[in-house]
Structure formats: C-alpha cells, structure tokens
C-alpha atoms as a PDB file:
ATOM      1  CA  MET A   1      40.625  -6.264 -36.814  1.00  0.00           C
ATOM      2  CA  LYS A   2      42.656  -4.410 -34.179  1.00  0.00           C
ATOM      3  CA  HIS A   3      41.888  -1.132 -35.921  1.00  0.00           C
ATOM      4  CA  LEU A   4      38.163  -1.953 -35.900  1.00  0.00           C
ATOM      5  CA  MET A   5      38.261  -2.780 -32.189  1.00  0.00           C
ATOM      6  CA  LYS A   6      40.014   0.521 -31.483  1.00  0.00           C
ATOM      7  CA  MET A   7      37.171   2.302 -33.234  1.00  0.00           C
ATOM      8  CA  ILE A   8      34.380   0.320 -31.563  1.00  0.00           C
ATOM      9  CA  LEU A   9      35.727   0.350 -28.003  1.00  0.00           C
ATOM     10  CA  PRO A  10      35.483   4.142 -27.491  1.00  0.00           C
ATOM     11  CA  MET A  11      31.946   4.083 -28.888  1.00  0.00           C
ATOM     12  CA  LEU A  12      30.942   1.317 -26.472  1.00  0.00           C
ATOM     13  CA  LEU A  13      32.488   3.163 -23.544  1.00  0.00           C
ATOM     14  CA  LEU A  14      30.656   6.318 -24.560  1.00  0.00           C
ATOM     15  CA  LEU A  15      27.384   4.396 -24.804  1.00  0.00           C
ATOM     16  CA  PHE A  16      27.875   2.831 -21.375  1.00  0.00           C
ATOM     17  CA  ALA A  17      28.677   6.240 -19.912  1.00  0.00           C
ATOM     18  CA  PHE A  18      25.572   7.761 -21.502  1.00  0.00           C
ATOM     19  CA  ASN A  19      23.357   4.976 -20.153  1.00  0.00           C
ATOM     20  CA  ALA A  20      24.869   5.370 -16.694  1.00  0.00           C
ATOM     21  CA  MET A  21      24.220   9.114 -16.743  1.00  0.00           C
ATOM     22  CA  ALA A  22      20.661   8.579 -17.926  1.00  0.00           C
ATOM     23  CA  GLN A  23      20.050   6.077 -15.124  1.00  0.00           C
ATOM     24  CA  THR A  24      21.548   8.451 -12.575  1.00  0.00           C
ATOM     25  CA  ASP A  25      19.276  11.251 -13.796  1.00  0.00           C
ATOM     26  CA  ALA A  26      16.249   8.948 -13.642  1.00  0.00           C
ATOM     27  CA  ASP A  27      17.120   7.858 -10.097  1.00  0.00           C
ATOM     28  CA  ALA A  28      17.609  11.455  -9.001  1.00  0.00           C
ATOM     29  CA  LYS A  29      14.241  12.436 -10.464  1.00  0.00           C
ATOM     30  CA  ALA A  30      12.507   9.479  -8.803  1.00  0.00           C
ATOM     31  CA  ASN A  31      14.090  10.354  -5.451  1.00  0.00           C
ATOM     32  CA  GLU A  32      13.033  13.963  -5.853  1.00  0.00           C
ATOM     33  CA  GLU A  33       9.445  12.881  -6.516  1.00  0.00           C
ATOM     34  CA  ILE A  34       9.472  10.691  -3.415  1.00  0.00           C
ATOM     35  CA  ARG A  35      10.851  13.544  -1.341  1.00  0.00           C
ATOM     36  CA  SER A  36       8.145  15.855  -2.668  1.00  0.00           C
ATOM     37  CA  LYS A  37       5.412  13.323  -1.836  1.00  0.00           C
ATOM     38  CA  ALA A  38       6.743  12.861   1.696  1.00  0.00           C
ATOM     39  CA  ALA A  39       6.922  16.625   2.243  1.00  0.00           C
ATOM     40  CA  GLU A  40       3.352  17.028   0.990  1.00  0.00           C
ATOM     41  CA  TRP A  41       2.069  14.367   3.379  1.00  0.00           C
ATOM     42  CA  VAL A  42       3.882  15.911   6.326  1.00  0.00           C
ATOM     43  CA  ALA A  43       2.688  19.401   5.406  1.00  0.00           C
ATOM     44  CA  SER A  44      -0.915  18.194   5.816  1.00  0.00           C
ATOM     45  CA  LEU A  45      -0.193  17.749   9.553  1.00  0.00           C
ATOM     46  CA  ASN A  46       0.440  21.473  10.020  1.00  0.00           C
ATOM     47  CA  LEU A  47       3.168  20.791  12.569  1.00  0.00           C
ATOM     48  CA  ASN A  48       4.310  24.429  12.812  1.00  0.00           C
ATOM     49  CA  ASP A  49       7.780  23.165  13.657  1.00  0.00           C
ATOM     50  CA  ALA A  50      10.247  23.213  10.767  1.00  0.00           C
ATOM     51  CA  ALA A  51      12.804  20.951  12.434  1.00  0.00           C
ATOM     52  CA  LYS A  52      10.190  18.363  13.373  1.00  0.00           C
ATOM     53  CA  ALA A  53       8.653  18.484   9.894  1.00  0.00           C
ATOM     54  CA  GLN A  54      12.112  17.949   8.389  1.00  0.00           C
ATOM     55  CA  ARG A  55      12.759  14.903  10.563  1.00  0.00           C
ATOM     56  CA  VAL A  56       9.392  13.333   9.789  1.00  0.00           C
ATOM     57  CA  THR A  57       9.826  14.028   6.082  1.00  0.00           C
ATOM     58  CA  ASP A  58      13.212  12.295   6.202  1.00  0.00           C
ATOM     59  CA  VAL A  59      11.661   9.248   7.886  1.00  0.00           C
ATOM     60  CA  VAL A  60       8.815   8.984   5.377  1.00  0.00           C
ATOM     61  CA  ALA A  61      11.010   9.593   2.326  1.00  0.00           C
ATOM     62  CA  THR A  62      13.554   7.024   3.507  1.00  0.00           C
ATOM     63  CA  HIS A  63      10.813   4.436   3.931  1.00  0.00           C
ATOM     64  CA  LEU A  64       9.310   5.147   0.504  1.00  0.00           C
ATOM     65  CA  LYS A  65      12.732   4.809  -1.143  1.00  0.00           C
ATOM     66  CA  THR A  66      13.522   1.622   0.765  1.00  0.00           C
ATOM     67  CA  ILE A  67      10.202   0.010  -0.212  1.00  0.00           C
ATOM     68  CA  ARG A  68      10.701   1.019  -3.850  1.00  0.00           C
ATOM     69  CA  ASP A  69      14.240  -0.322  -3.959  1.00  0.00           C
ATOM     70  CA  TRP A  70      13.338  -3.619  -2.286  1.00  0.00           C
ATOM     71  CA  ASN A  71      10.397  -4.111  -4.637  1.00  0.00           C
ATOM     72  CA  ASN A  72      12.552  -3.382  -7.674  1.00  0.00           C
ATOM     73  CA  THR A  73      15.398  -5.663  -6.608  1.00  0.00           C
ATOM     74  CA  HIS A  74      13.119  -8.498  -5.478  1.00  0.00           C
ATOM     75  CA  PRO A  75      10.686  -9.067  -8.370  1.00  0.00           C
ATOM     76  CA  PHE A  76       8.016 -11.766  -8.233  1.00  0.00           C
ATOM     77  CA  THR A  77      10.337 -14.068 -10.171  1.00  0.00           C
ATOM     78  CA  THR A  78      12.457 -14.478  -7.024  1.00  0.00           C
ATOM     79  CA  VAL A  79       9.564 -16.504  -5.581  1.00  0.00           C
ATOM     80  CA  PRO A  80       9.124 -19.899  -7.277  1.00  0.00           C
ATOM     81  CA  ALA A  81       5.820 -20.531  -8.990  1.00  0.00           C
ATOM     82  CA  GLY A  82       3.619 -22.886  -7.034  1.00  0.00           C
ATOM     83  CA  ILE A  83       0.263 -23.245  -5.343  1.00  0.00           C
ATOM     84  CA  ASN A  84      -1.371 -21.353  -2.548  1.00  0.00           C
ATOM     85  CA  PRO A  85      -1.561 -24.017   0.194  1.00  0.00           C
ATOM     86  CA  ARG A  86      -4.836 -22.554   1.479  1.00  0.00           C
ATOM     87  CA  THR A  87      -6.698 -22.600  -1.831  1.00  0.00           C
ATOM     88  CA  GLY A  88      -4.758 -25.032  -4.016  1.00  0.00           C
ATOM     89  CA  GLU A  89      -4.723 -22.432  -6.795  1.00  0.00           C
ATOM     90  CA  MET A  90      -1.560 -21.335  -8.569  1.00  0.00           C
ATOM     91  CA  LEU A  91       0.109 -18.311  -7.054  1.00  0.00           C
ATOM     92  CA  SER A  92      -0.461 -15.216  -9.166  1.00  0.00           C
ATOM     93  CA  GLU A  93       2.301 -12.747  -9.998  1.00  0.00           C
ATOM     94  CA  LEU A  94       0.781 -10.436  -7.386  1.00  0.00           C
ATOM     95  CA  ASP A  95       0.840 -13.227  -4.784  1.00  0.00           C
ATOM     96  CA  ARG A  96       4.497 -13.873  -5.484  1.00  0.00           C
ATOM     97  CA  GLN A  97       5.391 -10.168  -5.349  1.00  0.00           C
ATOM     98  CA  VAL A  98       3.616  -9.803  -2.006  1.00  0.00           C
ATOM     99  CA  ILE A  99       5.555 -12.814  -0.701  1.00  0.00           C
ATOM    100  CA  ALA A 100       8.831 -11.326  -1.955  1.00  0.00           C
ATOM    101  CA  ASN A 101       8.131  -7.998  -0.280  1.00  0.00           C
ATOM    102  CA  SER A 102       7.009  -9.638   2.956  1.00  0.00           C
ATOM    103  CA  ALA A 103      10.540 -11.026   3.336  1.00  0.00           C
ATOM    104  CA  MET A 104      11.945  -7.567   4.041  1.00  0.00           C
ATOM    105  CA  PRO A 105      13.855  -7.185   7.320  1.00  0.00           C
ATOM    106  CA  LYS A 106      11.511  -6.199  10.163  1.00  0.00           C
ATOM    107  CA  SER A 107      13.851  -3.332  10.964  1.00  0.00           C
ATOM    108  CA  ILE A 108      12.587  -1.447   7.892  1.00  0.00           C
ATOM    109  CA  HIS A 109       9.077  -1.259   9.319  1.00  0.00           C
ATOM    110  CA  GLU A 110      10.353  -0.611  12.840  1.00  0.00           C
ATOM    111  CA  ASN A 111      12.480   2.299  11.618  1.00  0.00           C
ATOM    112  CA  LEU A 112       9.416   3.892  10.042  1.00  0.00           C
ATOM    113  CA  MET A 113       7.119   3.491  13.032  1.00  0.00           C
ATOM    114  CA  ASN A 114       9.747   4.460  15.616  1.00  0.00           C
ATOM    115  CA  GLY A 115      10.742   7.463  13.533  1.00  0.00           C
ATOM    116  CA  LEU A 116       7.148   8.656  13.220  1.00  0.00           C
ATOM    117  CA  ARG A 117       6.328   8.097  16.892  1.00  0.00           C
ATOM    118  CA  LYS A 118       9.431   9.990  17.959  1.00  0.00           C
ATOM    119  CA  ASP A 119       7.931  13.260  16.724  1.00  0.00           C
ATOM    120  CA  LEU A 120       4.216  12.646  16.201  1.00  0.00           C
ATOM    121  CA  THR A 121       1.156  11.822  18.261  1.00  0.00           C
ATOM    122  CA  GLU A 122      -0.570   8.518  17.569  1.00  0.00           C
ATOM    123  CA  GLU A 123      -3.301  10.382  15.702  1.00  0.00           C
ATOM    124  CA  GLN A 124      -0.710  12.044  13.484  1.00  0.00           C
ATOM    125  CA  VAL A 125       1.043   8.719  12.896  1.00  0.00           C
ATOM    126  CA  ASN A 126      -2.267   7.254  11.741  1.00  0.00           C
ATOM    127  CA  ALA A 127      -2.734  10.234   9.437  1.00  0.00           C
ATOM    128  CA  MET A 128       0.594   9.417   7.762  1.00  0.00           C
ATOM    129  CA  LEU A 129      -0.395   5.765   7.368  1.00  0.00           C
ATOM    130  CA  ASP A 130      -3.708   6.892   5.884  1.00  0.00           C
ATOM    131  CA  LYS A 131      -1.842   8.987   3.321  1.00  0.00           C
ATOM    132  CA  TYR A 132       0.126   5.934   2.214  1.00  0.00           C
ATOM    133  CA  THR A 133      -2.969   3.727   1.984  1.00  0.00           C
ATOM    134  CA  ILE A 134      -5.236   6.470   0.542  1.00  0.00           C
ATOM    135  CA  GLY A 135      -7.686   6.338   3.428  1.00  0.00           C
ATOM    136  CA  LYS A 136      -8.664   2.699   3.001  1.00  0.00           C
ATOM    137  CA  VAL A 137      -9.588   2.242   6.676  1.00  0.00           C
ATOM    138  CA  ALA A 138     -12.272   4.946   6.660  1.00  0.00           C
ATOM    139  CA  PHE A 139     -13.444   4.002   3.157  1.00  0.00           C
ATOM    140  CA  THR A 140     -13.861   0.322   4.047  1.00  0.00           C
ATOM    141  CA  MET A 141     -15.584   1.091   7.352  1.00  0.00           C
ATOM    142  CA  LYS A 142     -18.035   3.316   5.509  1.00  0.00           C
ATOM    143  CA  GLY A 143     -18.829   0.338   3.288  1.00  0.00           C
ATOM    144  CA  TYR A 144     -19.331  -1.972   6.268  1.00  0.00           C
ATOM    145  CA  LYS A 145     -21.736   0.489   7.873  1.00  0.00           C
ATOM    146  CA  ALA A 146     -23.722   0.742   4.654  1.00  0.00           C
ATOM    147  CA  ILE A 147     -23.946  -3.047   4.334  1.00  0.00           C
ATOM    148  CA  VAL A 148     -24.556  -3.643   8.063  1.00  0.00           C
ATOM    149  CA  PRO A 149     -26.442  -0.511   9.217  1.00  0.00           C
ATOM    150  CA  ASP A 150     -27.031  -1.927  12.725  1.00  0.00           C
ATOM    151  CA  LEU A 151     -23.352  -2.621  13.359  1.00  0.00           C
ATOM    152  CA  THR A 152     -22.794  -2.830  17.116  1.00  0.00           C
ATOM    153  CA  PRO A 153     -20.052  -0.846  18.927  1.00  0.00           C
ATOM    154  CA  THR A 154     -18.166  -4.105  19.561  1.00  0.00           C
ATOM    155  CA  GLU A 155     -18.382  -5.142  15.916  1.00  0.00           C
ATOM    156  CA  ASP A 156     -17.322  -1.655  14.854  1.00  0.00           C
ATOM    157  CA  SER A 157     -14.300  -1.827  17.173  1.00  0.00           C
ATOM    158  CA  VAL A 158     -13.183  -5.277  15.972  1.00  0.00           C
ATOM    159  CA  LEU A 159     -13.554  -4.431  12.271  1.00  0.00           C
ATOM    160  CA  THR A 160     -11.758  -1.122  12.691  1.00  0.00           C
ATOM    161  CA  LYS A 161      -8.893  -2.720  14.612  1.00  0.00           C
ATOM    162  CA  ASN A 162      -8.374  -5.316  11.867  1.00  0.00           C
ATOM    163  CA  LEU A 163      -8.328  -2.623   9.204  1.00  0.00           C
ATOM    164  CA  GLU A 164      -5.828  -0.600  11.216  1.00  0.00           C
ATOM    165  CA  LEU A 165      -3.588  -3.671  11.361  1.00  0.00           C
ATOM    166  CA  ALA A 166      -3.953  -3.953   7.581  1.00  0.00           C
ATOM    167  CA  ARG A 167      -3.035  -0.290   7.196  1.00  0.00           C
ATOM    168  CA  GLU A 168       0.166  -0.574   9.201  1.00  0.00           C
ATOM    169  CA  GLN A 169       1.215  -3.740   7.384  1.00  0.00           C
ATOM    170  CA  ALA A 170       0.345  -2.307   3.974  1.00  0.00           C
ATOM    171  CA  VAL A 171       2.804   0.589   4.237  1.00  0.00           C
ATOM    172  CA  ASP A 172       5.584  -1.918   3.545  1.00  0.00           C
ATOM    173  CA  TYR A 173       4.310  -2.565   0.014  1.00  0.00           C
ATOM    174  CA  LYS A 174       4.930  -0.491  -3.087  1.00  0.00           C
ATOM    175  CA  SER A 175       1.939  -0.600  -5.422  1.00  0.00           C
ATOM    176  CA  MET A 176      -1.735  -0.015  -4.770  1.00  0.00           C
ATOM    177  CA  LYS A 177      -2.458  -3.562  -5.947  1.00  0.00           C
ATOM    178  CA  GLN A 178      -0.123  -4.900  -3.264  1.00  0.00           C
ATOM    179  CA  ILE A 179      -1.663  -2.614  -0.632  1.00  0.00           C
ATOM    180  CA  SER A 180      -5.159  -3.770  -1.615  1.00  0.00           C
ATOM    181  CA  ALA A 181      -4.016  -7.408  -1.377  1.00  0.00           C
ATOM    182  CA  ILE A 182      -2.960  -6.829   2.244  1.00  0.00           C
ATOM    183  CA  PHE A 183      -6.304  -5.216   3.046  1.00  0.00           C
ATOM    184  CA  GLU A 184      -8.107  -8.192   1.488  1.00  0.00           C
ATOM    185  CA  ILE A 185      -6.476 -10.451   4.090  1.00  0.00           C
ATOM    186  CA  TYR A 186      -8.011  -8.443   6.920  1.00  0.00           C
ATOM    187  CA  LYS A 187     -11.320  -7.883   5.145  1.00  0.00           C
ATOM    188  CA  THR A 188     -11.626 -11.666   4.953  1.00  0.00           C
ATOM    189  CA  LYS A 189     -10.939 -11.830   8.689  1.00  0.00           C
ATOM    190  CA  ASN A 190     -13.668  -9.266   9.275  1.00  0.00           C
ATOM    191  CA  GLU A 191     -16.173 -11.224   7.224  1.00  0.00           C
ATOM    192  CA  GLN A 192     -15.275 -14.376   9.141  1.00  0.00           C
ATOM    193  CA  TYR A 193     -15.714 -12.510  12.415  1.00  0.00           C
ATOM    194  CA  LEU A 194     -19.190 -11.352  11.439  1.00  0.00           C
ATOM    195  CA  ASN A 195     -20.142 -14.845  10.280  1.00  0.00           C
ATOM    196  CA  THR A 196     -19.066 -16.383  13.593  1.00  0.00           C
ATOM    197  CA  HIS A 197     -20.860 -13.736  15.659  1.00  0.00           C
ATOM    198  CA  GLY A 198     -24.413 -14.066  14.438  1.00  0.00           C
ATOM    199  CA  ARG A 199     -24.184 -12.374  11.049  1.00  0.00           C
ATOM    200  CA  ASP A 200     -24.420 -13.774   7.538  1.00  0.00           C
ATOM    201  CA  TRP A 201     -22.025 -11.668   5.509  1.00  0.00           C
ATOM    202  CA  HIS A 202     -22.980 -13.225   2.181  1.00  0.00           C
ATOM    203  CA  ALA A 203     -26.671 -12.533   2.767  1.00  0.00           C
ATOM    204  CA  LEU A 204     -26.019  -9.002   4.046  1.00  0.00           C
ATOM    205  CA  PHE A 205     -23.830  -8.137   1.080  1.00  0.00           C
ATOM    206  CA  GLY A 206     -26.345  -9.660  -1.341  1.00  0.00           C
ATOM    207  CA  ALA A 207     -29.184  -7.624   0.187  1.00  0.00           C
ATOM    208  CA  TYR A 208     -27.095  -4.457  -0.058  1.00  0.00           C
ATOM    209  CA  VAL A 209     -26.273  -5.032  -3.726  1.00  0.00           C
ATOM    210  CA  LYS A 210     -29.926  -5.764  -4.482  1.00  0.00           C
ATOM    211  CA  ALA A 211     -31.043  -2.583  -2.714  1.00  0.00           C
ATOM    212  CA  GLN A 212     -28.476  -0.494  -4.598  1.00  0.00           C
ATOM    213  CA  LYS A 213     -29.608  -1.898  -7.934  1.00  0.00           C
ATOM    214  CA  ALA A 214     -33.238  -1.173  -7.065  1.00  0.00           C
ATOM    215  CA  LYS A 215     -32.325   2.366  -6.037  1.00  0.00           C
ATOM    216  CA  LYS A 216     -30.445   2.957  -9.288  1.00  0.00           C
ATOM    217  CA  ALA A 217     -33.335   1.536 -11.336  1.00  0.00           C
ATOM    218  CA  ALA A 218     -35.796   3.801  -9.539  1.00  0.00           C
ATOM    219  CA  GLN A 219     -33.646   6.854 -10.232  1.00  0.00           C
ATOM    220  CA  THR A 220     -33.320   5.928 -13.903  1.00  0.00           C
ATOM    221  CA  SER A 221     -37.074   5.387 -14.163  1.00  0.00           C
ATOM    222  CA  LYS A 222     -37.733   8.746 -12.521  1.00  0.00           C
ATOM    223  CA  GLN A 223     -35.409  10.533 -14.964  1.00  0.00           C
ATOM    224  CA  ASN A 224     -37.221   8.949 -17.906  1.00  0.00           C
END
C-alpha cells in the first residue's frame, strides 16, 4: 500500500502542477485580450499623447479585469432564489447575477470614472462608455425617434439623460445580457415618462410595428 502511494503521489503532484500552469496560461491570455481591447478603445480617441493613452488604457484594462473577476467569483448562486418584489415572479439567473454584481464596492466605479476624467474630456469619457456598451445610447435614441417622430426637445433631453445614466451604470457589468438588463431599467423609466407626459407608449409602439410590417409587405409585393 505504501509503495502504491509513493507511486501515485508524484503523479498527483504532477497533475496539480500541470493544471496550475494551464490555469496561469489561461489567465495570462485572458488578461492580454483585455489589455488589447482597452488599447483598441483608447486608440479610437486619437489622443496623440503616448503617456496619456497609456494611463487611460491602464484605467480601462483594470476596470475590465476587476469586473470580470468579480463576476466570476460572485456567481448568481450567491444570491438566494426568490421573487422579484415588484412583479412577484421568480428571480431569473440573470436577475440574480445582476444583483450579485450590483453589490460591488462603489470605489470600483469611482476609480474608473475618476481615472478617465483625469485625462479625458467629458466627450471622450462618454466615447469610452459607448465602447463598453456598444453604442446603446445612440441606438436606443434612434429607435425612440423612429417610434415618436415628433419627439420634443424636452422629451429628447429626458430620454437621453436616462440612457446616459444607464450607460454609466452598465459599465460595471460583464456580459451583454447584464448590460442590456441595466438599460431595460431606464428604458422602462423612459416609457413611464412618456406615458405621464401626454404620450401613449403602447399605442405609439404598436403603430410603429404596424407601419413597419406594412412597409415590408409592400416591398415584398413590389419585388414579386
């Protein structure tokens, strides 16, 4: 038995060492990819200042790594299953993951924003946030303007401001599903705003969908 253990123990140690090396290589590759993404985003600003670009890249890469690590070490299972008190429905896995990620220390977000604002203009900061959220503010506003073509300047300002709040909050979440979930919160607020200021969002959206279907049918008919 002792002889068998002497044979097995070195093999186990070797296996553990191999797994540790593989994990280290995977982590290094993941960090390299994050660094590359951050550098690409910063390059789009055309800062023409290598030192400044380096600092901003460090800030963005650090945030991306921190968000990834928090997400990975705080899975949805850390939040007990239960109901959404607003709807009464069971929390989904996405709901629970969003809750888990929302518990991050505020300093993580503050470090990102302070780091960006130290070297960038507000317009450039917004450009970085847009990179993270794949331009959801502009995309969603384009949709609003298509659905409500006579959107007033005040309505435009309120809707845009809410989406910008969504954008800044969303950069603290890892996956696109999580980011979209944050935007849904503010899109709901926008719909409620329109409904309480003389609009009927449901009717406007329904009319838009109907018009799009009619347009598509007309194009199909024309092609035939």
